[in-house]
Structure formats: C-alpha cells, structure tokens
Amino acid sequence: MTTLTVNIENKKSEKAVKAVLDALGLNYEVASNIKAKERTPNRAEQVLYKRLNDSFEQINLHQKGKIELRDAKDFLDEL
C-alpha cells in the first residue's frame, strides 16, 4: 500500500480530487490539519467577531445598568 498526502486549500479543488479518487475506486481519508485557534481569521470573520463582541459588550453594560437599550417596538417603528 502507498500513502499519498495532498494539501488542498481550495474547496472546489478538494471536491474534484475526491471525485477523481472515487472514480478510480481508491480509498482515501480527509483530515484537517488546521486547528481553529491556529488559523488566522479572514476579513469577514474579523468583522463578524467585532460586531458580536460589540453587541455582547452592550448587553453587559445594559445588565449592569450603565446604558439603556431601545425597545424592539421603537426600533421597528423607526424603520
């Protein structure tokens, strides 16, 4: 038996390689070597993290009584 290790960063390429291996009747394993903590977040993930972090900070300040949040009804009326 021969073991072949292939590092693929593109999901489309991964699907294509899997399709070829399936077509050839070969067995394969898929393993992700990148752990979430080791990977650098992309731009969209950074923006989402910042927005969520800001929202949680506002919730914490509201729970401590330091700020007053708008009612959902007032917000919807404004739209």
PDB file of N, CA and C in Angstrom:
ATOM      1  N   MET A   1       0.844  -1.174   0.000  1.00  0.00           N
ATOM      2  CA  MET A   1       0.000   0.000   0.000  1.00  0.00           C
ATOM      3  C   MET A   1       0.893   1.243   0.000  1.00  0.00           C
ATOM      4  N   THR A   2       0.475   2.262  -0.729  1.00  0.00           N
ATOM      5  CA  THR A   2       1.170   3.535  -0.797  1.00  0.00           C
ATOM      6  C   THR A   2       0.274   4.606  -0.201  1.00  0.00           C
ATOM      7  N   THR A   3       0.877   5.494   0.579  1.00  0.00           N
ATOM      8  CA  THR A   3       0.137   6.605   1.166  1.00  0.00           C
ATOM      9  C   THR A   3       0.553   7.886   0.469  1.00  0.00           C
ATOM     10  N   LEU A   4      -0.419   8.657   0.065  1.00  0.00           N
ATOM     11  CA  LEU A   4      -0.187   9.922  -0.611  1.00  0.00           C
ATOM     12  C   LEU A   4      -0.837  11.019   0.214  1.00  0.00           C
ATOM     13  N   THR A   5      -0.078  12.045   0.551  1.00  0.00           N
ATOM     14  CA  THR A   5      -0.609  13.175   1.300  1.00  0.00           C
ATOM     15  C   THR A   5      -0.714  14.367   0.357  1.00  0.00           C
ATOM     16  N   VAL A   6      -1.894  14.973   0.303  1.00  0.00           N
ATOM     17  CA  VAL A   6      -2.131  16.113  -0.568  1.00  0.00           C
ATOM     18  C   VAL A   6      -2.709  17.232   0.282  1.00  0.00           C
ATOM     19  N   ASN A   7      -2.107  18.408   0.216  1.00  0.00           N
ATOM     20  CA  ASN A   7      -2.620  19.582   0.932  1.00  0.00           C
ATOM     21  C   ASN A   7      -3.419  20.430  -0.040  1.00  0.00           C
ATOM     22  N   ILE A   8      -4.701  20.599   0.247  1.00  0.00           N
ATOM     23  CA  ILE A   8      -5.587  21.354  -0.635  1.00  0.00           C
ATOM     24  C   ILE A   8      -6.208  22.486   0.168  1.00  0.00           C
ATOM     25  N   GLU A   9      -6.107  23.700  -0.352  1.00  0.00           N
ATOM     26  CA  GLU A   9      -6.681  24.856   0.343  1.00  0.00           C
ATOM     27  C   GLU A   9      -7.989  25.315  -0.282  1.00  0.00           C
ATOM     28  N   ASN A  10      -8.304  24.869  -1.473  1.00  0.00           N
ATOM     29  CA  ASN A  10      -9.492  25.308  -2.198  1.00  0.00           C
ATOM     30  C   ASN A  10     -10.551  24.208  -2.126  1.00  0.00           C
ATOM     31  N   LYS A  11     -11.755  24.542  -1.654  1.00  0.00           N
ATOM     32  CA  LYS A  11     -12.834  23.551  -1.519  1.00  0.00           C
ATOM     33  C   LYS A  11     -13.223  22.932  -2.854  1.00  0.00           C
ATOM     34  N   LYS A  12     -13.225  23.722  -3.930  1.00  0.00           N
ATOM     35  CA  LYS A  12     -13.577  23.188  -5.244  1.00  0.00           C
ATOM     36  C   LYS A  12     -12.552  22.162  -5.683  1.00  0.00           C
ATOM     37  N   SER A  13     -11.289  22.460  -5.449  1.00  0.00           N
ATOM     38  CA  SER A  13     -10.234  21.509  -5.811  1.00  0.00           C
ATOM     39  C   SER A  13     -10.362  20.238  -4.983  1.00  0.00           C
ATOM     40  N   GLU A  14     -10.709  20.384  -3.726  1.00  0.00           N
ATOM     41  CA  GLU A  14     -10.880  19.222  -2.852  1.00  0.00           C
ATOM     42  C   GLU A  14     -11.972  18.300  -3.401  1.00  0.00           C
ATOM     43  N   LYS A  15     -13.079  18.893  -3.815  1.00  0.00           N
ATOM     44  CA  LYS A  15     -14.177  18.097  -4.370  1.00  0.00           C
ATOM     45  C   LYS A  15     -13.744  17.391  -5.651  1.00  0.00           C
ATOM     46  N   ALA A  16     -12.969  18.083  -6.485  1.00  0.00           N
ATOM     47  CA  ALA A  16     -12.515  17.489  -7.740  1.00  0.00           C
ATOM     48  C   ALA A  16     -11.578  16.313  -7.476  1.00  0.00           C
ATOM     49  N   VAL A  17     -10.666  16.475  -6.523  1.00  0.00           N
ATOM     50  CA  VAL A  17      -9.734  15.397  -6.195  1.00  0.00           C
ATOM     51  C   VAL A  17     -10.501  14.201  -5.634  1.00  0.00           C
ATOM     52  N   LYS A  18     -11.469  14.454  -4.768  1.00  0.00           N
ATOM     53  CA  LYS A  18     -12.285  13.374  -4.228  1.00  0.00           C
ATOM     54  C   LYS A  18     -13.021  12.633  -5.339  1.00  0.00           C
ATOM     55  N   ALA A  19     -13.545  13.379  -6.300  1.00  0.00           N
ATOM     56  CA  ALA A  19     -14.271  12.764  -7.417  1.00  0.00           C
ATOM     57  C   ALA A  19     -13.344  11.872  -8.229  1.00  0.00           C
ATOM     58  N   VAL A  20     -12.126  12.317  -8.476  1.00  0.00           N
ATOM     59  CA  VAL A  20     -11.161  11.507  -9.227  1.00  0.00           C
ATOM     60  C   VAL A  20     -10.819  10.233  -8.460  1.00  0.00           C
ATOM     61  N   LEU A  21     -10.563  10.379  -7.159  1.00  0.00           N
ATOM     62  CA  LEU A  21     -10.237   9.210  -6.345  1.00  0.00           C
ATOM     63  C   LEU A  21     -11.395   8.218  -6.305  1.00  0.00           C
ATOM     64  N   ASP A  22     -12.612   8.736  -6.191  1.00  0.00           N
ATOM     65  CA  ASP A  22     -13.794   7.872  -6.217  1.00  0.00           C
ATOM     66  C   ASP A  22     -13.911   7.160  -7.555  1.00  0.00           C
ATOM     67  N   ALA A  23     -13.689   7.887  -8.647  1.00  0.00           N
ATOM     68  CA  ALA A  23     -13.798   7.312  -9.987  1.00  0.00           C
ATOM     69  C   ALA A  23     -12.772   6.208 -10.192  1.00  0.00           C
ATOM     70  N   LEU A  24     -11.610   6.349  -9.567  1.00  0.00           N
ATOM     71  CA  LEU A  24     -10.569   5.329  -9.693  1.00  0.00           C
ATOM     72  C   LEU A  24     -10.766   4.185  -8.700  1.00  0.00           C
ATOM     73  N   GLY A  25     -11.743   4.334  -7.806  1.00  0.00           N
ATOM     74  CA  GLY A  25     -12.030   3.288  -6.831  1.00  0.00           C
ATOM     75  C   GLY A  25     -11.006   3.227  -5.710  1.00  0.00           C
ATOM     76  N   LEU A  26     -10.375   4.325  -5.429  1.00  0.00           N
ATOM     77  CA  LEU A  26      -9.349   4.365  -4.389  1.00  0.00           C
ATOM     78  C   LEU A  26      -9.949   4.786  -3.053  1.00  0.00           C
ATOM     79  N   ASN A  27      -9.379   4.264  -1.977  1.00  0.00           N
ATOM     80  CA  ASN A  27      -9.791   4.653  -0.625  1.00  0.00           C
ATOM     81  C   ASN A  27      -8.989   5.876  -0.205  1.00  0.00           C
ATOM     82  N   TYR A  28      -9.615   6.763   0.533  1.00  0.00           N
ATOM     83  CA  TYR A  28      -8.925   7.957   0.999  1.00  0.00           C
ATOM     84  C   TYR A  28      -9.520   8.429   2.312  1.00  0.00           C
ATOM     85  N   GLU A  29      -8.734   9.207   3.023  1.00  0.00           N
ATOM     86  CA  GLU A  29      -9.177   9.840   4.261  1.00  0.00           C
ATOM     87  C   GLU A  29      -9.027  11.334   4.121  1.00  0.00           C
ATOM     88  N   VAL A  30      -9.934  12.067   4.728  1.00  0.00           N
ATOM     89  CA  VAL A  30      -9.838  13.519   4.729  1.00  0.00           C
ATOM     90  C   VAL A  30      -9.549  13.945   6.158  1.00  0.00           C
ATOM     91  N   ALA A  31      -8.454  14.658   6.331  1.00  0.00           N
ATOM     92  CA  ALA A  31      -8.073  15.130   7.661  1.00  0.00           C
ATOM     93  C   ALA A  31      -7.730  16.606   7.562  1.00  0.00           C
ATOM     94  N   SER A  32      -8.253  17.371   8.489  1.00  0.00           N
ATOM     95  CA  SER A  32      -7.945  18.794   8.538  1.00  0.00           C
ATOM     96  C   SER A  32      -6.827  18.992   9.551  1.00  0.00           C
ATOM     97  N   ASN A  33      -5.718  19.513   9.105  1.00  0.00           N
ATOM     98  CA  ASN A  33      -4.573  19.729   9.986  1.00  0.00           C
ATOM     99  C   ASN A  33      -4.586  21.101  10.628  1.00  0.00           C
ATOM    100  N   ILE A  34      -5.474  21.956  10.189  1.00  0.00           N
ATOM    101  CA  ILE A  34      -5.518  23.318  10.712  1.00  0.00           C
ATOM    102  C   ILE A  34      -6.534  23.386  11.842  1.00  0.00           C
ATOM    103  N   LYS A  35      -6.069  23.743  12.999  1.00  0.00           N
ATOM    104  CA  LYS A  35      -6.964  23.919  14.136  1.00  0.00           C
ATOM    105  C   LYS A  35      -7.493  25.338  14.118  1.00  0.00           C
ATOM    106  N   ALA A  36      -8.709  25.520  14.593  1.00  0.00           N
ATOM    107  CA  ALA A  36      -9.353  26.837  14.550  1.00  0.00           C
ATOM    108  C   ALA A  36      -8.523  27.896  15.280  1.00  0.00           C
ATOM    109  N   LYS A  37      -7.878  27.532  16.377  1.00  0.00           N
ATOM    110  CA  LYS A  37      -7.108  28.507  17.141  1.00  0.00           C
ATOM    111  C   LYS A  37      -5.824  28.905  16.423  1.00  0.00           C
ATOM    112  N   GLU A  38      -5.290  28.032  15.582  1.00  0.00           N
ATOM    113  CA  GLU A  38      -4.038  28.314  14.890  1.00  0.00           C
ATOM    114  C   GLU A  38      -4.255  29.096  13.596  1.00  0.00           C
ATOM    115  N   ARG A  39      -5.448  29.021  13.034  1.00  0.00           N
ATOM    116  CA  ARG A  39      -5.742  29.652  11.756  1.00  0.00           C
ATOM    117  C   ARG A  39      -6.047  31.127  11.967  1.00  0.00           C
ATOM    118  N   THR A  40      -5.534  31.959  11.102  1.00  0.00           N
ATOM    119  CA  THR A  40      -5.827  33.396  11.157  1.00  0.00           C
ATOM    120  C   THR A  40      -7.201  33.644  10.558  1.00  0.00           C
ATOM    121  N   PRO A  41      -8.069  34.343  11.282  1.00  0.00           N
ATOM    122  CA  PRO A  41      -9.409  34.613  10.736  1.00  0.00           C
ATOM    123  C   PRO A  41      -9.336  35.516   9.499  1.00  0.00           C
ATOM    124  N   ASN A  42     -10.226  35.234   8.542  1.00  0.00           N
ATOM    125  CA  ASN A  42     -10.267  36.084   7.351  1.00  0.00           C
ATOM    126  C   ASN A  42     -11.011  37.380   7.678  1.00  0.00           C
ATOM    127  N   ARG A  43     -11.074  38.273   6.702  1.00  0.00           N
ATOM    128  CA  ARG A  43     -11.661  39.616   6.917  1.00  0.00           C
ATOM    129  C   ARG A  43     -13.123  39.535   7.372  1.00  0.00           C
ATOM    130  N   ALA A  44     -13.920  38.684   6.728  1.00  0.00           N
ATOM    131  CA  ALA A  44     -15.339  38.562   7.082  1.00  0.00           C
ATOM    132  C   ALA A  44     -15.497  38.041   8.507  1.00  0.00           C
ATOM    133  N   GLU A  45     -14.656  37.089   8.901  1.00  0.00           N
ATOM    134  CA  GLU A  45     -14.717  36.555  10.261  1.00  0.00           C
ATOM    135  C   GLU A  45     -14.319  37.617  11.289  1.00  0.00           C
ATOM    136  N   GLN A  46     -13.336  38.440  10.943  1.00  0.00           N
ATOM    137  CA  GLN A  46     -12.922  39.509  11.847  1.00  0.00           C
ATOM    138  C   GLN A  46     -14.037  40.531  12.051  1.00  0.00           C
ATOM    139  N   VAL A  47     -14.733  40.888  10.966  1.00  0.00           N
ATOM    140  CA  VAL A  47     -15.837  41.852  11.047  1.00  0.00           C
ATOM    141  C   VAL A  47     -16.965  41.276  11.896  1.00  0.00           C
ATOM    142  N   LEU A  48     -17.317  40.023  11.647  1.00  0.00           N
ATOM    143  CA  LEU A  48     -18.381  39.373  12.410  1.00  0.00           C
ATOM    144  C   LEU A  48     -18.011  39.310  13.891  1.00  0.00           C
ATOM    145  N   TYR A  49     -16.769  38.944  14.185  1.00  0.00           N
ATOM    146  CA  TYR A  49     -16.315  38.863  15.578  1.00  0.00           C
ATOM    147  C   TYR A  49     -16.434  40.224  16.265  1.00  0.00           C
ATOM    148  N   LYS A  50     -16.007  41.278  15.582  1.00  0.00           N
ATOM    149  CA  LYS A  50     -16.069  42.613  16.165  1.00  0.00           C
ATOM    150  C   LYS A  50     -17.516  43.028  16.444  1.00  0.00           C
ATOM    151  N   ARG A  51     -18.402  42.766  15.490  1.00  0.00           N
ATOM    152  CA  ARG A  51     -19.816  43.134  15.688  1.00  0.00           C
ATOM    153  C   ARG A  51     -20.429  42.367  16.857  1.00  0.00           C
ATOM    154  N   LEU A  52     -20.153  41.060  16.929  1.00  0.00           N
ATOM    155  CA  LEU A  52     -20.689  40.260  18.030  1.00  0.00           C
ATOM    156  C   LEU A  52     -20.100  40.707  19.361  1.00  0.00           C
ATOM    157  N   ASN A  53     -18.804  40.987  19.355  1.00  0.00           N
ATOM    158  CA  ASN A  53     -18.151  41.437  20.572  1.00  0.00           C
ATOM    159  C   ASN A  53     -18.750  42.760  21.047  1.00  0.00           C
ATOM    160  N   ASP A  54     -18.983  43.688  20.130  1.00  0.00           N
ATOM    161  CA  ASP A  54     -19.613  44.969  20.480  1.00  0.00           C
ATOM    162  C   ASP A  54     -21.023  44.754  21.031  1.00  0.00           C
ATOM    163  N   SER A  55     -21.769  43.855  20.422  1.00  0.00           N
ATOM    164  CA  SER A  55     -23.133  43.564  20.892  1.00  0.00           C
ATOM    165  C   SER A  55     -23.125  42.983  22.296  1.00  0.00           C
ATOM    166  N   PHE A  56     -22.220  42.042  22.550  1.00  0.00           N
ATOM    167  CA  PHE A  56     -22.135  41.453  23.890  1.00  0.00           C
ATOM    168  C   PHE A  56     -21.717  42.485  24.929  1.00  0.00           C
ATOM    169  N   GLU A  57     -20.849  43.396  24.523  1.00  0.00           N
ATOM    170  CA  GLU A  57     -20.433  44.464  25.436  1.00  0.00           C
ATOM    171  C   GLU A  57     -21.627  45.353  25.786  1.00  0.00           C
ATOM    172  N   GLN A  58     -22.465  45.681  24.807  1.00  0.00           N
ATOM    173  CA  GLN A  58     -23.661  46.487  25.079  1.00  0.00           C
ATOM    174  C   GLN A  58     -24.621  45.740  25.995  1.00  0.00           C
ATOM    175  N   ILE A  59     -24.773  44.440  25.788  1.00  0.00           N
ATOM    176  CA  ILE A  59     -25.651  43.635  26.653  1.00  0.00           C
ATOM    177  C   ILE A  59     -25.131  43.659  28.086  1.00  0.00           C
ATOM    178  N   ASN A  60     -23.819  43.477  28.244  1.00  0.00           N
ATOM    179  CA  ASN A  60     -23.226  43.502  29.590  1.00  0.00           C
ATOM    180  C   ASN A  60     -23.425  44.855  30.256  1.00  0.00           C
ATOM    181  N   LEU A  61     -23.212  45.949  29.514  1.00  0.00           N
ATOM    182  CA  LEU A  61     -23.416  47.284  30.085  1.00  0.00           C
ATOM    183  C   LEU A  61     -24.877  47.502  30.457  1.00  0.00           C
ATOM    184  N   HIS A  62     -25.800  47.002  29.642  1.00  0.00           N
ATOM    185  CA  HIS A  62     -27.230  47.126  29.945  1.00  0.00           C
ATOM    186  C   HIS A  62     -27.576  46.349  31.218  1.00  0.00           C
ATOM    187  N   GLN A  63     -27.031  45.141  31.337  1.00  0.00           N
ATOM    188  CA  GLN A  63     -27.316  44.329  32.518  1.00  0.00           C
ATOM    189  C   GLN A  63     -26.758  44.965  33.790  1.00  0.00           C
ATOM    190  N   LYS A  64     -25.678  45.715  33.655  1.00  0.00           N
ATOM    191  CA  LYS A  64     -25.095  46.415  34.802  1.00  0.00           C
ATOM    192  C   LYS A  64     -25.805  47.738  35.087  1.00  0.00           C
ATOM    193  N   GLY A  65     -26.746  48.117  34.209  1.00  0.00           N
ATOM    194  CA  GLY A  65     -27.498  49.340  34.391  1.00  0.00           C
ATOM    195  C   GLY A  65     -26.769  50.590  33.935  1.00  0.00           C
ATOM    196  N   LYS A  66     -25.714  50.429  33.165  1.00  0.00           N
ATOM    197  CA  LYS A  66     -24.925  51.579  32.731  1.00  0.00           C
ATOM    198  C   LYS A  66     -25.456  52.219  31.452  1.00  0.00           C
ATOM    199  N   ILE A  67     -26.176  51.466  30.645  1.00  0.00           N
ATOM    200  CA  ILE A  67     -26.793  52.030  29.440  1.00  0.00           C
ATOM    201  C   ILE A  67     -28.209  51.508  29.314  1.00  0.00           C
ATOM    202  N   GLU A  68     -29.026  52.248  28.585  1.00  0.00           N
ATOM    203  CA  GLU A  68     -30.410  51.848  28.322  1.00  0.00           C
ATOM    204  C   GLU A  68     -30.521  51.471  26.848  1.00  0.00           C
ATOM    205  N   LEU A  69     -31.051  50.301  26.567  1.00  0.00           N
ATOM    206  CA  LEU A  69     -31.222  49.858  25.191  1.00  0.00           C
ATOM    207  C   LEU A  69     -32.610  50.230  24.690  1.00  0.00           C
ATOM    208  N   ARG A  70     -32.738  50.405  23.379  1.00  0.00           N
ATOM    209  CA  ARG A  70     -34.039  50.729  22.797  1.00  0.00           C
ATOM    210  C   ARG A  70     -34.937  49.493  22.794  1.00  0.00           C
ATOM    211  N   ASP A  71     -36.223  49.726  22.916  1.00  0.00           N
ATOM    212  CA  ASP A  71     -37.189  48.638  22.787  1.00  0.00           C
ATOM    213  C   ASP A  71     -37.257  48.219  21.329  1.00  0.00           C
ATOM    214  N   ALA A  72     -37.553  46.946  21.092  1.00  0.00           N
ATOM    215  CA  ALA A  72     -37.672  46.441  19.729  1.00  0.00           C
ATOM    216  C   ALA A  72     -38.806  47.162  18.993  1.00  0.00           C
ATOM    217  N   LYS A  73     -39.898  47.461  19.713  1.00  0.00           N
ATOM    218  CA  LYS A  73     -41.025  48.151  19.086  1.00  0.00           C
ATOM    219  C   LYS A  73     -40.601  49.530  18.592  1.00  0.00           C
ATOM    220  N   ASP A  74     -39.848  50.272  19.403  1.00  0.00           N
ATOM    221  CA  ASP A  74     -39.361  51.597  18.986  1.00  0.00           C
ATOM    222  C   ASP A  74     -38.456  51.485  17.766  1.00  0.00           C
ATOM    223  N   PHE A  75     -37.595  50.486  17.785  1.00  0.00           N
ATOM    224  CA  PHE A  75     -36.690  50.273  16.660  1.00  0.00           C
ATOM    225  C   PHE A  75     -37.464  49.987  15.375  1.00  0.00           C
ATOM    226  N   LEU A  76     -38.468  49.101  15.462  1.00  0.00           N
ATOM    227  CA  LEU A  76     -39.259  48.741  14.292  1.00  0.00           C
ATOM    228  C   LEU A  76     -40.102  49.918  13.803  1.00  0.00           C
ATOM    229  N   ASP A  77     -40.614  50.716  14.736  1.00  0.00           N
ATOM    230  CA  ASP A  77     -41.383  51.899  14.351  1.00  0.00           C
ATOM    231  C   ASP A  77     -40.514  52.882  13.578  1.00  0.00           C
ATOM    232  N   GLU A  78     -39.255  52.952  13.932  1.00  0.00           N
ATOM    233  CA  GLU A  78     -38.326  53.863  13.273  1.00  0.00           C
ATOM    234  C   GLU A  78     -38.058  53.431  11.834  1.00  0.00           C
ATOM    235  N   LEU A  79     -38.132  52.141  11.572  1.00  0.00           N
ATOM    236  CA  LEU A  79     -37.889  51.654  10.222  1.00  0.00           C
ATOM    237  C   LEU A  79     -39.051  52.033   9.340  1.00  0.00           C
TER     238      LEU A  79
END
